[in-house]
Amino acid sequence: MDKDNFLEPLLTGDTETLVRETQKALEEGNGPEGVLQEGLIPAMGVVGEQFRNGEIYIPEVLLAARSMHGAMAVLKPFLVRTAGGGAGKVVIGTVKGDLHDIGKNLVVMMMEGGGYEVVDLGADVAAERFVEAVRTHKPAFVGLSALLTTTMKEMRQTLLALEKAELRKSVRVIVGGAPVTAKFAAEIGADGFAPDATSVVALMKSLG
């Protein structure tokens, strides 16, 4: 499967063409996981790489995210069927004080594509809301996103709040976002760090 068939419509935000290519790949006998892992995710990885290198900017990433959402709508029923919807439950959000959600939304798509049931709390999520969501939904994972260096401290506060509520041992906490590093993740006691949306599912599967 050629990722370039997906890359051009992603970069131009041509949702109609991307959806058509996704449907075509399925009709040609490719499994939904194959379409995702060999076509859409590698193409989205190129988009992410071009963004990091300054070759494209936020508007293009937004267009790609919107188109990816359209393709995922096609794949999701098949992916949930093949995964049995049993990969586990995830609570995710962008931490308090941070309104950025592009990266987090891409991560949600990848998680859903991997068969996870995702409870998306949105952006500007206080530590107490994460605690409440863990109590209510009993997820296997909590995902924390931050796009500002000034809000990274809220990741630590959320981990402390989970500890105080005696819920920390019941979940694996993964963190990510532009300013976040593996070193920072280790310093605050997170269970894992994903450098981008395309690597998050592999990280979660490695954590069990």
C-alpha atoms as a PDB file:
ATOM      1  CA  MET A   1       0.000   0.000   0.000  1.00  0.00           C
ATOM      2  CA  ASP A   2       1.401   3.360  -1.025  1.00  0.00           C
ATOM      3  CA  LYS A   3       1.212   6.030   1.687  1.00  0.00           C
ATOM      4  CA  ASP A   4       1.574   8.686  -1.049  1.00  0.00           C
ATOM      5  CA  ASN A   5      -2.006   7.914  -2.120  1.00  0.00           C
ATOM      6  CA  PHE A   6      -3.047   9.243   1.290  1.00  0.00           C
ATOM      7  CA  LEU A   7      -0.390  11.918   1.724  1.00  0.00           C
ATOM      8  CA  GLU A   8      -1.454  14.339  -1.014  1.00  0.00           C
ATOM      9  CA  PRO A   9      -5.115  14.574   0.107  1.00  0.00           C
ATOM     10  CA  LEU A  10      -3.952  14.905   3.724  1.00  0.00           C
ATOM     11  CA  LEU A  11      -1.622  17.800   2.918  1.00  0.00           C
ATOM     12  CA  THR A  12      -4.272  19.603   0.879  1.00  0.00           C
ATOM     13  CA  GLY A  13      -7.149  18.833   3.248  1.00  0.00           C
ATOM     14  CA  ASP A  14      -9.002  16.998   0.480  1.00  0.00           C
ATOM     15  CA  THR A  15     -11.259  14.922   2.714  1.00  0.00           C
ATOM     16  CA  GLU A  16     -13.354  13.597  -0.174  1.00  0.00           C
ATOM     17  CA  THR A  17     -10.319  12.119  -1.939  1.00  0.00           C
ATOM     18  CA  LEU A  18      -8.853  10.731   1.284  1.00  0.00           C
ATOM     19  CA  VAL A  19     -12.137   9.017   2.144  1.00  0.00           C
ATOM     20  CA  ARG A  20     -12.310   7.616  -1.400  1.00  0.00           C
ATOM     21  CA  GLU A  21      -8.728   6.269  -1.162  1.00  0.00           C
ATOM     22  CA  THR A  22      -9.535   4.711   2.214  1.00  0.00           C
ATOM     23  CA  GLN A  23     -12.651   3.001   0.861  1.00  0.00           C
ATOM     24  CA  LYS A  24     -10.735   1.857  -2.227  1.00  0.00           C
ATOM     25  CA  ALA A  25      -7.994   0.303  -0.081  1.00  0.00           C
ATOM     26  CA  LEU A  26     -10.624  -1.634   1.877  1.00  0.00           C
ATOM     27  CA  GLU A  27     -12.370  -2.767  -1.327  1.00  0.00           C
ATOM     28  CA  GLU A  28      -9.027  -4.045  -2.656  1.00  0.00           C
ATOM     29  CA  GLY A  29      -8.929  -6.484   0.261  1.00  0.00           C
ATOM     30  CA  ASN A  30      -6.671  -4.617   2.683  1.00  0.00           C
ATOM     31  CA  GLY A  31      -7.634  -5.056   6.318  1.00  0.00           C
ATOM     32  CA  PRO A  32      -8.623  -1.919   8.268  1.00  0.00           C
ATOM     33  CA  GLU A  33      -5.536  -2.178  10.499  1.00  0.00           C
ATOM     34  CA  GLY A  34      -3.342  -2.411   7.405  1.00  0.00           C
ATOM     35  CA  VAL A  35      -4.959   0.668   5.870  1.00  0.00           C
ATOM     36  CA  LEU A  36      -4.321   2.543   9.114  1.00  0.00           C
ATOM     37  CA  GLN A  37      -0.829   1.261   9.938  1.00  0.00           C
ATOM     38  CA  GLU A  38       0.605   1.113   6.406  1.00  0.00           C
ATOM     39  CA  GLY A  39      -1.276   3.962   4.743  1.00  0.00           C
ATOM     40  CA  LEU A  40      -2.832   6.645   6.914  1.00  0.00           C
ATOM     41  CA  ILE A  41      -0.438   6.665   9.879  1.00  0.00           C
ATOM     42  CA  PRO A  42       2.768   6.807   7.775  1.00  0.00           C
ATOM     43  CA  ALA A  43       1.198   9.610   5.695  1.00  0.00           C
ATOM     44  CA  MET A  44       0.228  11.476   8.860  1.00  0.00           C
ATOM     45  CA  GLY A  45       3.783  10.900  10.100  1.00  0.00           C
ATOM     46  CA  VAL A  46       5.098  12.771   7.057  1.00  0.00           C
ATOM     47  CA  VAL A  47       2.704  15.639   7.833  1.00  0.00           C
ATOM     48  CA  GLY A  48       4.045  15.747  11.404  1.00  0.00           C
ATOM     49  CA  GLU A  49       7.645  15.657  10.196  1.00  0.00           C
ATOM     50  CA  GLN A  50       7.050  18.495   7.724  1.00  0.00           C
ATOM     51  CA  PHE A  51       5.428  20.539  10.491  1.00  0.00           C
ATOM     52  CA  ARG A  52       8.384  19.959  12.839  1.00  0.00           C
ATOM     53  CA  ASN A  53      10.777  20.982  10.038  1.00  0.00           C
ATOM     54  CA  GLY A  54       8.856  24.202   9.345  1.00  0.00           C
ATOM     55  CA  GLU A  55       7.856  23.078   5.844  1.00  0.00           C
ATOM     56  CA  ILE A  56       4.136  23.384   6.646  1.00  0.00           C
ATOM     57  CA  TYR A  57       2.282  25.305   9.335  1.00  0.00           C
ATOM     58  CA  ILE A  58      -0.700  25.043  11.699  1.00  0.00           C
ATOM     59  CA  PRO A  59      -3.371  25.657   8.983  1.00  0.00           C
ATOM     60  CA  GLU A  60      -2.081  22.682   6.960  1.00  0.00           C
ATOM     61  CA  VAL A  61      -1.977  20.499  10.075  1.00  0.00           C
ATOM     62  CA  LEU A  62      -5.579  21.482  10.852  1.00  0.00           C
ATOM     63  CA  LEU A  63      -6.641  20.551   7.315  1.00  0.00           C
ATOM     64  CA  ALA A  64      -4.821  17.223   7.600  1.00  0.00           C
ATOM     65  CA  ALA A  65      -6.448  16.530  10.974  1.00  0.00           C
ATOM     66  CA  ARG A  66      -9.901  17.245   9.564  1.00  0.00           C
ATOM     67  CA  SER A  67      -9.292  14.938   6.603  1.00  0.00           C
ATOM     68  CA  MET A  68      -7.857  12.233   8.868  1.00  0.00           C
ATOM     69  CA  HIS A  69     -11.055  12.441  10.906  1.00  0.00           C
ATOM     70  CA  GLY A  70     -13.060  11.705   7.749  1.00  0.00           C
ATOM     71  CA  ALA A  71     -10.918   8.679   6.914  1.00  0.00           C
ATOM     72  CA  MET A  72     -11.147   7.399  10.485  1.00  0.00           C
ATOM     73  CA  ALA A  73     -14.951   7.605  10.299  1.00  0.00           C
ATOM     74  CA  VAL A  74     -14.743   5.083   7.443  1.00  0.00           C
ATOM     75  CA  LEU A  75     -12.338   2.763   9.264  1.00  0.00           C
ATOM     76  CA  LYS A  76     -13.690   2.974  12.799  1.00  0.00           C
ATOM     77  CA  PRO A  77     -16.603   0.509  12.474  1.00  0.00           C
ATOM     78  CA  PHE A  78     -14.242  -2.105  10.992  1.00  0.00           C
ATOM     79  CA  LEU A  79     -11.487  -1.445  13.545  1.00  0.00           C
ATOM     80  CA  VAL A  80     -13.844  -1.712  16.507  1.00  0.00           C
ATOM     81  CA  ARG A  81     -15.196  -4.968  15.053  1.00  0.00           C
ATOM     82  CA  THR A  82     -11.749  -6.497  14.556  1.00  0.00           C
ATOM     83  CA  ALA A  83     -10.420  -5.271  17.891  1.00  0.00           C
ATOM     84  CA  GLY A  84     -13.622  -6.235  19.631  1.00  0.00           C
ATOM     85  CA  GLY A  85     -13.481  -2.793  21.194  1.00  0.00           C
ATOM     86  CA  GLY A  86     -11.461  -4.502  23.888  1.00  0.00           C
ATOM     87  CA  ALA A  87      -8.097  -2.790  23.769  1.00  0.00           C
ATOM     88  CA  GLY A  88      -9.020  -0.831  26.923  1.00  0.00           C
ATOM     89  CA  LYS A  89     -10.377   2.485  28.048  1.00  0.00           C
ATOM     90  CA  VAL A  90      -8.472   5.786  28.039  1.00  0.00           C
ATOM     91  CA  VAL A  91      -9.162   9.148  29.666  1.00  0.00           C
ATOM     92  CA  ILE A  92      -7.366  11.964  27.855  1.00  0.00           C
ATOM     93  CA  GLY A  93      -7.203  15.746  27.965  1.00  0.00           C
ATOM     94  CA  THR A  94      -5.045  18.833  27.566  1.00  0.00           C
ATOM     95  CA  VAL A  95      -4.027  20.070  31.013  1.00  0.00           C
ATOM     96  CA  LYS A  96      -5.308  23.127  32.860  1.00  0.00           C
ATOM     97  CA  GLY A  97      -4.398  26.513  31.359  1.00  0.00           C
ATOM     98  CA  ASP A  98      -3.696  25.052  27.912  1.00  0.00           C
ATOM     99  CA  LEU A  99      -6.314  25.442  25.172  1.00  0.00           C
ATOM    100  CA  HIS A 100      -4.388  23.602  22.439  1.00  0.00           C
ATOM    101  CA  ASP A 101      -6.058  20.431  21.234  1.00  0.00           C
ATOM    102  CA  ILE A 102      -4.839  19.685  17.687  1.00  0.00           C
ATOM    103  CA  GLY A 103      -2.221  17.168  18.793  1.00  0.00           C
ATOM    104  CA  LYS A 104      -4.515  15.703  21.420  1.00  0.00           C
ATOM    105  CA  ASN A 105      -7.278  15.231  18.841  1.00  0.00           C
ATOM    106  CA  LEU A 106      -4.889  13.377  16.535  1.00  0.00           C
ATOM    107  CA  VAL A 107      -3.868  11.144  19.436  1.00  0.00           C
ATOM    108  CA  VAL A 108      -7.553  10.403  20.131  1.00  0.00           C
ATOM    109  CA  MET A 109      -7.993   9.296  16.500  1.00  0.00           C
ATOM    110  CA  MET A 110      -4.971   7.016  16.726  1.00  0.00           C
ATOM    111  CA  MET A 111      -6.188   5.507  19.999  1.00  0.00           C
ATOM    112  CA  GLU A 112      -9.644   4.858  18.582  1.00  0.00           C
ATOM    113  CA  GLY A 113      -8.025   3.361  15.499  1.00  0.00           C
ATOM    114  CA  GLY A 114      -6.105   1.030  17.803  1.00  0.00           C
ATOM    115  CA  GLY A 115      -9.351  -0.228  19.324  1.00  0.00           C
ATOM    116  CA  TYR A 116      -9.296   1.832  22.530  1.00  0.00           C
ATOM    117  CA  GLU A 117     -12.426   3.386  23.998  1.00  0.00           C
ATOM    118  CA  VAL A 118     -11.547   7.052  24.530  1.00  0.00           C
ATOM    119  CA  VAL A 119     -13.077   9.466  27.029  1.00  0.00           C
ATOM    120  CA  ASP A 120     -11.955  12.873  25.731  1.00  0.00           C
ATOM    121  CA  LEU A 121     -12.154  15.585  28.412  1.00  0.00           C
ATOM    122  CA  GLY A 122     -11.117  18.307  25.949  1.00  0.00           C
ATOM    123  CA  ALA A 123      -8.711  21.154  26.743  1.00  0.00           C
ATOM    124  CA  ASP A 124      -7.988  23.221  29.889  1.00  0.00           C
ATOM    125  CA  VAL A 125      -8.679  20.218  32.134  1.00  0.00           C
ATOM    126  CA  ALA A 126      -7.966  20.655  35.850  1.00  0.00           C
ATOM    127  CA  ALA A 127      -6.316  17.876  37.852  1.00  0.00           C
ATOM    128  CA  GLU A 128      -9.558  17.353  39.797  1.00  0.00           C
ATOM    129  CA  ARG A 129     -11.441  16.592  36.576  1.00  0.00           C
ATOM    130  CA  PHE A 130      -8.920  13.925  35.637  1.00  0.00           C
ATOM    131  CA  VAL A 131      -9.341  12.397  39.116  1.00  0.00           C
ATOM    132  CA  GLU A 132     -13.126  12.472  38.791  1.00  0.00           C
ATOM    133  CA  ALA A 133     -12.961  10.878  35.316  1.00  0.00           C
ATOM    134  CA  VAL A 134     -10.681   8.087  36.552  1.00  0.00           C
ATOM    135  CA  ARG A 135     -13.096   7.382  39.400  1.00  0.00           C
ATOM    136  CA  THR A 136     -16.076   7.347  37.037  1.00  0.00           C
ATOM    137  CA  HIS A 137     -14.693   5.527  33.992  1.00  0.00           C
ATOM    138  CA  LYS A 138     -11.995   3.310  35.572  1.00  0.00           C
ATOM    139  CA  PRO A 139      -9.659   3.555  32.539  1.00  0.00           C
ATOM    140  CA  ALA A 140      -6.482   1.580  31.961  1.00  0.00           C
ATOM    141  CA  PHE A 141      -4.688   4.737  30.772  1.00  0.00           C
ATOM    142  CA  VAL A 142      -4.708   8.482  31.366  1.00  0.00           C
ATOM    143  CA  GLY A 143      -3.251  10.675  28.609  1.00  0.00           C
ATOM    144  CA  LEU A 144      -2.027  14.187  29.457  1.00  0.00           C
ATOM    145  CA  SER A 145      -1.203  16.720  26.740  1.00  0.00           C
ATOM    146  CA  ALA A 146       0.539  20.102  27.023  1.00  0.00           C
ATOM    147  CA  LEU A 147       1.611  22.434  24.236  1.00  0.00           C
ATOM    148  CA  LEU A 148       3.011  25.210  26.427  1.00  0.00           C
ATOM    149  CA  THR A 149       6.063  25.037  28.667  1.00  0.00           C
ATOM    150  CA  THR A 150       4.103  27.047  31.238  1.00  0.00           C
ATOM    151  CA  THR A 151       1.412  24.363  31.535  1.00  0.00           C
ATOM    152  CA  MET A 152       3.734  21.358  31.779  1.00  0.00           C
ATOM    153  CA  LYS A 153       3.702  21.766  35.563  1.00  0.00           C
ATOM    154  CA  GLU A 154       0.004  20.823  35.502  1.00  0.00           C
ATOM    155  CA  MET A 155       1.018  17.319  34.404  1.00  0.00           C
ATOM    156  CA  ARG A 156       2.906  16.941  37.685  1.00  0.00           C
ATOM    157  CA  GLN A 157      -0.091  18.352  39.598  1.00  0.00           C
ATOM    158  CA  THR A 158      -2.399  15.823  37.948  1.00  0.00           C
ATOM    159  CA  LEU A 159      -0.121  12.935  38.891  1.00  0.00           C
ATOM    160  CA  LEU A 160       0.010  14.215  42.479  1.00  0.00           C
ATOM    161  CA  ALA A 161      -3.790  14.542  42.546  1.00  0.00           C
ATOM    162  CA  LEU A 162      -4.179  10.940  41.351  1.00  0.00           C
ATOM    163  CA  GLU A 163      -1.715   9.856  44.049  1.00  0.00           C
ATOM    164  CA  LYS A 164      -3.597  11.779  46.747  1.00  0.00           C
ATOM    165  CA  ALA A 165      -6.883  10.223  45.623  1.00  0.00           C
ATOM    166  CA  GLU A 166      -5.230   6.769  45.841  1.00  0.00           C
ATOM    167  CA  LEU A 167      -5.918   6.170  42.151  1.00  0.00           C
ATOM    168  CA  ARG A 168      -2.393   6.428  40.748  1.00  0.00           C
ATOM    169  CA  LYS A 169      -1.651   2.702  40.966  1.00  0.00           C
ATOM    170  CA  SER A 170      -4.828   1.822  39.058  1.00  0.00           C
ATOM    171  CA  VAL A 171      -3.838   3.603  35.814  1.00  0.00           C
ATOM    172  CA  ARG A 172      -0.872   4.073  33.524  1.00  0.00           C
ATOM    173  CA  VAL A 173      -0.233   7.747  32.803  1.00  0.00           C
ATOM    174  CA  ILE A 174       1.245   8.745  29.448  1.00  0.00           C
ATOM    175  CA  VAL A 175       2.260  12.285  28.500  1.00  0.00           C
ATOM    176  CA  GLY A 176       3.044  14.177  25.315  1.00  0.00           C
ATOM    177  CA  GLY A 177       3.065  17.522  23.532  1.00  0.00           C
ATOM    178  CA  ALA A 178       5.586  19.742  21.772  1.00  0.00           C
ATOM    179  CA  PRO A 179       7.637  20.862  24.829  1.00  0.00           C
ATOM    180  CA  VAL A 180       7.412  17.532  26.673  1.00  0.00           C
ATOM    181  CA  THR A 181      10.410  15.189  26.721  1.00  0.00           C
ATOM    182  CA  ALA A 182      11.082  11.639  27.889  1.00  0.00           C
ATOM    183  CA  LYS A 183      13.323  13.120  30.609  1.00  0.00           C
ATOM    184  CA  PHE A 184      10.492  15.316  31.911  1.00  0.00           C
ATOM    185  CA  ALA A 185       8.076  12.361  31.815  1.00  0.00           C
ATOM    186  CA  ALA A 186      10.477  10.333  33.956  1.00  0.00           C
ATOM    187  CA  GLU A 187      11.021  13.245  36.363  1.00  0.00           C
ATOM    188  CA  ILE A 188       7.304  13.600  37.131  1.00  0.00           C
ATOM    189  CA  GLY A 189       6.756   9.854  37.419  1.00  0.00           C
ATOM    190  CA  ALA A 190       4.707   9.244  34.259  1.00  0.00           C
ATOM    191  CA  ASP A 191       4.619   5.696  32.909  1.00  0.00           C
ATOM    192  CA  GLY A 192       5.379   6.663  29.332  1.00  0.00           C
ATOM    193  CA  PHE A 193       6.062   9.419  26.811  1.00  0.00           C
ATOM    194  CA  ALA A 194       4.943   9.609  23.178  1.00  0.00           C
ATOM    195  CA  PRO A 195       6.840  12.082  20.960  1.00  0.00           C
ATOM    196  CA  ASP A 196       3.977  12.234  18.452  1.00  0.00           C
ATOM    197  CA  ALA A 197       0.488  10.897  17.715  1.00  0.00           C
ATOM    198  CA  THR A 198       1.724   8.151  15.427  1.00  0.00           C
ATOM    199  CA  SER A 199       3.715   6.414  18.188  1.00  0.00           C
ATOM    200  CA  VAL A 200       1.160   6.547  21.003  1.00  0.00           C
ATOM    201  CA  VAL A 201      -0.624   3.232  20.327  1.00  0.00           C
ATOM    202  CA  ALA A 202       2.673   1.327  20.162  1.00  0.00           C
ATOM    203  CA  LEU A 203       3.634   2.902  23.490  1.00  0.00           C
ATOM    204  CA  MET A 204       0.340   1.848  25.091  1.00  0.00           C
ATOM    205  CA  LYS A 205       0.629  -1.710  23.819  1.00  0.00           C
ATOM    206  CA  SER A 206       4.187  -1.892  25.172  1.00  0.00           C
ATOM    207  CA  LEU A 207       2.919  -0.825  28.603  1.00  0.00           C
ATOM    208  CA  GLY A 208       0.266  -3.571  28.492  1.00  0.00           C
END
